[in-house]
Amino acid sequence: MDNIEIKEQKTEAGKYLFVVEVGNKDKTSHRVSLERDYWQELTQKTLTPGQLILSSFMFLLEREPKESILREFDLKDINKYFSDYEETIKK
């Protein structure tokens, strides 16, 4: 499994911003936004926003190589590409 490093950036009104680096020597970098309401809907606050980002990247890496993950996206966009995302994360 690739190393996943998550750095929380400033939080804007109702939205968290993260930089996620995946890999060891050949890292990829991703800017991810997460709306507070979406975080609460998916986790019922049982995970921190950072833990949700980690779980989401683990989900993605089970389905595609890190090089295929978008470089910048909103977490909600994952469900557009993987219809089982929300159901899987809620479990």
N, C-alpha and C. Protein backbone atom coordinates (compact mmCIF):
# COMPACT_ATOMS: atom_id res chain seq x y z
N MET A 1 0.85 -1.19 0.00
CA MET A 1 0.00 0.00 0.00
C MET A 1 0.88 1.24 0.00
N ASP A 2 0.48 2.20 -0.79
CA ASP A 2 1.21 3.46 -0.86
C ASP A 2 1.06 4.24 0.45
N ASN A 3 2.10 4.99 0.79
CA ASN A 3 2.06 5.90 1.92
C ASN A 3 1.11 7.05 1.58
N ILE A 4 0.25 7.43 2.52
CA ILE A 4 -0.69 8.53 2.31
C ILE A 4 -0.45 9.58 3.38
N GLU A 5 -0.08 10.78 2.94
CA GLU A 5 0.18 11.89 3.87
C GLU A 5 -0.86 12.97 3.63
N ILE A 6 -1.55 13.37 4.70
CA ILE A 6 -2.64 14.34 4.59
C ILE A 6 -2.28 15.58 5.37
N LYS A 7 -2.37 16.73 4.70
CA LYS A 7 -2.11 18.02 5.35
C LYS A 7 -3.35 18.88 5.21
N GLU A 8 -3.93 19.25 6.35
CA GLU A 8 -5.10 20.12 6.31
C GLU A 8 -4.64 21.55 6.07
N GLN A 9 -5.27 22.20 5.12
CA GLN A 9 -4.98 23.58 4.81
C GLN A 9 -6.00 24.45 5.54
N LYS A 10 -6.04 25.70 5.23
CA LYS A 10 -7.02 26.58 5.88
C LYS A 10 -8.44 26.10 5.57
N THR A 11 -9.32 26.35 6.50
CA THR A 11 -10.72 26.00 6.33
C THR A 11 -11.46 27.26 5.92
N GLU A 12 -12.17 27.13 4.80
CA GLU A 12 -12.99 28.25 4.34
C GLU A 12 -14.39 28.05 4.90
N ALA A 13 -15.25 29.01 4.70
CA ALA A 13 -16.61 28.95 5.22
C ALA A 13 -17.30 27.65 4.80
N GLY A 14 -17.47 26.75 5.75
CA GLY A 14 -18.19 25.52 5.49
C GLY A 14 -17.44 24.48 4.67
N LYS A 15 -16.14 24.70 4.45
CA LYS A 15 -15.39 23.79 3.60
C LYS A 15 -13.99 23.57 4.14
N TYR A 16 -13.57 22.31 4.18
CA TYR A 16 -12.19 21.96 4.55
C TYR A 16 -11.37 21.80 3.28
N LEU A 17 -10.10 22.15 3.37
CA LEU A 17 -9.18 21.99 2.24
C LEU A 17 -7.99 21.15 2.69
N PHE A 18 -7.62 20.18 1.87
CA PHE A 18 -6.51 19.28 2.19
C PHE A 18 -5.57 19.15 1.01
N VAL A 19 -4.30 18.89 1.31
CA VAL A 19 -3.33 18.44 0.32
C VAL A 19 -2.99 17.02 0.72
N VAL A 20 -3.12 16.11 -0.23
CA VAL A 20 -2.85 14.70 0.03
C VAL A 20 -1.73 14.24 -0.89
N GLU A 21 -0.69 13.69 -0.30
CA GLU A 21 0.42 13.13 -1.08
C GLU A 21 0.38 11.61 -0.94
N VAL A 22 0.48 10.94 -2.08
CA VAL A 22 0.39 9.48 -2.10
C VAL A 22 1.66 8.92 -2.73
N GLY A 23 2.26 7.95 -2.05
CA GLY A 23 3.44 7.28 -2.60
C GLY A 23 4.65 7.49 -1.72
N ASN A 24 5.74 6.91 -2.14
CA ASN A 24 6.99 7.03 -1.42
C ASN A 24 7.95 7.90 -2.23
N LYS A 25 8.71 7.31 -3.13
CA LYS A 25 9.63 8.11 -3.94
C LYS A 25 8.91 8.85 -5.07
N ASP A 26 7.95 8.21 -5.65
CA ASP A 26 7.21 8.78 -6.79
C ASP A 26 5.84 9.30 -6.34
N LYS A 27 5.85 10.31 -5.50
CA LYS A 27 4.62 10.84 -4.92
C LYS A 27 3.75 11.54 -5.95
N THR A 28 2.44 11.43 -5.72
CA THR A 28 1.49 12.27 -6.44
C THR A 28 0.87 13.20 -5.41
N SER A 29 0.47 14.37 -5.84
CA SER A 29 -0.10 15.36 -4.93
C SER A 29 -1.50 15.72 -5.41
N HIS A 30 -2.42 15.84 -4.45
CA HIS A 30 -3.83 16.07 -4.75
C HIS A 30 -4.39 17.13 -3.81
N ARG A 31 -5.13 18.09 -4.37
CA ARG A 31 -5.82 19.10 -3.56
C ARG A 31 -7.28 18.67 -3.48
N VAL A 32 -7.77 18.51 -2.26
CA VAL A 32 -9.12 17.98 -2.06
C VAL A 32 -9.91 18.93 -1.17
N SER A 33 -11.11 19.26 -1.59
CA SER A 33 -12.00 20.06 -0.76
C SER A 33 -13.11 19.15 -0.23
N LEU A 34 -13.63 19.51 0.93
CA LEU A 34 -14.67 18.72 1.59
C LEU A 34 -15.64 19.67 2.27
N GLU A 35 -16.88 19.64 1.82
CA GLU A 35 -17.90 20.48 2.45
C GLU A 35 -18.27 19.90 3.81
N ARG A 36 -18.40 20.78 4.78
CA ARG A 36 -18.73 20.36 6.15
C ARG A 36 -20.02 19.53 6.18
N ASP A 37 -21.05 19.94 5.45
CA ASP A 37 -22.32 19.21 5.42
C ASP A 37 -22.15 17.80 4.87
N TYR A 38 -21.32 17.66 3.83
CA TYR A 38 -21.08 16.35 3.22
C TYR A 38 -20.34 15.44 4.20
N TRP A 39 -19.36 16.00 4.91
CA TRP A 39 -18.63 15.24 5.93
C TRP A 39 -19.60 14.70 6.98
N GLN A 40 -20.49 15.56 7.46
CA GLN A 40 -21.45 15.14 8.48
C GLN A 40 -22.42 14.09 7.95
N GLU A 41 -22.84 14.24 6.69
CA GLU A 41 -23.76 13.28 6.07
C GLU A 41 -23.12 11.90 5.97
N LEU A 42 -21.85 11.86 5.55
CA LEU A 42 -21.18 10.57 5.36
C LEU A 42 -20.78 9.90 6.66
N THR A 43 -20.38 10.67 7.66
CA THR A 43 -19.77 10.09 8.85
C THR A 43 -20.58 10.23 10.12
N GLN A 44 -21.61 11.06 10.10
CA GLN A 44 -22.35 11.36 11.34
C GLN A 44 -21.39 11.80 12.44
N LYS A 45 -20.26 12.40 12.04
CA LYS A 45 -19.20 12.90 12.92
C LYS A 45 -18.48 11.78 13.68
N THR A 46 -18.55 10.54 13.16
CA THR A 46 -17.82 9.44 13.81
C THR A 46 -16.36 9.41 13.36
N LEU A 47 -16.04 10.10 12.27
CA LEU A 47 -14.67 10.27 11.79
C LEU A 47 -14.37 11.75 11.72
N THR A 48 -13.13 12.13 11.90
CA THR A 48 -12.73 13.51 11.66
C THR A 48 -12.69 13.74 10.15
N PRO A 49 -12.70 14.99 9.70
CA PRO A 49 -12.56 15.23 8.27
C PRO A 49 -11.29 14.58 7.70
N GLY A 50 -10.19 14.65 8.42
CA GLY A 50 -8.95 14.03 7.95
C GLY A 50 -9.06 12.52 7.83
N GLN A 51 -9.75 11.89 8.77
CA GLN A 51 -9.95 10.44 8.70
C GLN A 51 -10.83 10.07 7.51
N LEU A 52 -11.81 10.91 7.20
CA LEU A 52 -12.65 10.67 6.02
C LEU A 52 -11.82 10.77 4.75
N ILE A 53 -10.94 11.75 4.68
CA ILE A 53 -10.06 11.89 3.52
C ILE A 53 -9.19 10.63 3.38
N LEU A 54 -8.61 10.16 4.47
CA LEU A 54 -7.79 8.96 4.44
C LEU A 54 -8.60 7.76 3.96
N SER A 55 -9.77 7.54 4.53
CA SER A 55 -10.62 6.43 4.12
C SER A 55 -11.00 6.53 2.65
N SER A 56 -11.22 7.74 2.18
CA SER A 56 -11.59 7.95 0.79
C SER A 56 -10.44 7.63 -0.15
N PHE A 57 -9.23 7.99 0.24
CA PHE A 57 -8.07 7.67 -0.61
C PHE A 57 -7.79 6.16 -0.58
N MET A 58 -7.99 5.52 0.54
CA MET A 58 -7.84 4.07 0.58
C MET A 58 -8.86 3.41 -0.35
N PHE A 59 -10.08 3.92 -0.35
CA PHE A 59 -11.14 3.45 -1.26
C PHE A 59 -10.68 3.61 -2.71
N LEU A 60 -10.19 4.80 -3.04
CA LEU A 60 -9.75 5.06 -4.42
C LEU A 60 -8.59 4.16 -4.83
N LEU A 61 -7.63 4.00 -3.95
CA LEU A 61 -6.44 3.21 -4.29
C LEU A 61 -6.74 1.73 -4.44
N GLU A 62 -7.84 1.26 -3.89
CA GLU A 62 -8.27 -0.12 -4.12
C GLU A 62 -8.83 -0.29 -5.52
N ARG A 63 -9.16 0.81 -6.18
CA ARG A 63 -9.83 0.76 -7.48
C ARG A 63 -9.01 1.30 -8.64
N GLU A 64 -7.99 2.09 -8.34
CA GLU A 64 -7.19 2.68 -9.42
C GLU A 64 -5.81 3.08 -8.90
N PRO A 65 -4.83 3.19 -9.80
CA PRO A 65 -3.50 3.63 -9.36
C PRO A 65 -3.52 5.10 -8.97
N LYS A 66 -2.58 5.49 -8.12
CA LYS A 66 -2.55 6.87 -7.63
C LYS A 66 -2.42 7.88 -8.77
N GLU A 67 -1.78 7.49 -9.85
CA GLU A 67 -1.60 8.40 -10.99
C GLU A 67 -2.93 8.72 -11.68
N SER A 68 -3.94 7.87 -11.47
CA SER A 68 -5.25 8.10 -12.10
C SER A 68 -6.17 8.96 -11.25
N ILE A 69 -5.82 9.20 -10.00
CA ILE A 69 -6.65 10.03 -9.13
C ILE A 69 -6.50 11.49 -9.55
N LEU A 70 -7.61 12.18 -9.67
CA LEU A 70 -7.59 13.59 -10.08
C LEU A 70 -6.66 14.40 -9.18
N ARG A 71 -5.99 15.38 -9.74
CA ARG A 71 -5.06 16.21 -8.97
C ARG A 71 -5.77 17.22 -8.09
N GLU A 72 -6.99 17.58 -8.47
CA GLU A 72 -7.78 18.52 -7.67
C GLU A 72 -9.25 18.15 -7.82
N PHE A 73 -9.93 17.99 -6.68
CA PHE A 73 -11.34 17.62 -6.74
C PHE A 73 -12.01 17.86 -5.39
N ASP A 74 -13.34 17.88 -5.43
CA ASP A 74 -14.15 17.92 -4.22
C ASP A 74 -14.48 16.47 -3.88
N LEU A 75 -14.45 16.12 -2.61
CA LEU A 75 -14.66 14.74 -2.21
C LEU A 75 -15.98 14.18 -2.75
N LYS A 76 -16.99 15.02 -2.86
CA LYS A 76 -18.29 14.60 -3.37
C LYS A 76 -18.20 14.05 -4.79
N ASP A 77 -17.17 14.47 -5.55
CA ASP A 77 -17.00 14.03 -6.93
C ASP A 77 -16.70 12.54 -7.05
N ILE A 78 -16.17 11.93 -6.01
CA ILE A 78 -15.83 10.50 -6.08
C ILE A 78 -17.05 9.68 -6.44
N ASN A 79 -18.20 10.04 -5.89
CA ASN A 79 -19.41 9.27 -6.15
C ASN A 79 -19.84 9.33 -7.61
N LYS A 80 -19.40 10.34 -8.35
CA LYS A 80 -19.71 10.42 -9.79
C LYS A 80 -19.00 9.32 -10.56
N TYR A 81 -17.82 8.92 -10.09
CA TYR A 81 -17.01 7.92 -10.77
C TYR A 81 -17.21 6.52 -10.19
N PHE A 82 -17.51 6.45 -8.90
CA PHE A 82 -17.69 5.18 -8.21
C PHE A 82 -18.99 5.24 -7.43
N SER A 83 -20.03 4.66 -7.99
CA SER A 83 -21.37 4.79 -7.39
C SER A 83 -21.49 4.10 -6.04
N ASP A 84 -20.54 3.23 -5.69
CA ASP A 84 -20.60 2.55 -4.39
C ASP A 84 -19.82 3.30 -3.30
N TYR A 85 -19.25 4.47 -3.64
CA TYR A 85 -18.41 5.21 -2.69
C TYR A 85 -19.15 5.56 -1.40
N GLU A 86 -20.26 6.25 -1.51
CA GLU A 86 -20.96 6.73 -0.31
C GLU A 86 -21.42 5.57 0.55
N GLU A 87 -21.97 4.55 -0.07
CA GLU A 87 -22.42 3.37 0.68
C GLU A 87 -21.26 2.69 1.41
N THR A 88 -20.13 2.58 0.73
CA THR A 88 -18.95 1.93 1.33
C THR A 88 -18.42 2.75 2.49
N ILE A 89 -18.31 4.06 2.33
CA ILE A 89 -17.77 4.92 3.38
C ILE A 89 -18.69 4.97 4.59
N LYS A 90 -19.99 4.94 4.38
CA LYS A 90 -20.94 5.01 5.49
C LYS A 90 -20.88 3.78 6.38
N LYS A 91 -20.35 2.67 5.85
CA LYS A 91 -20.27 1.43 6.65
C LYS A 91 -19.21 1.52 7.63
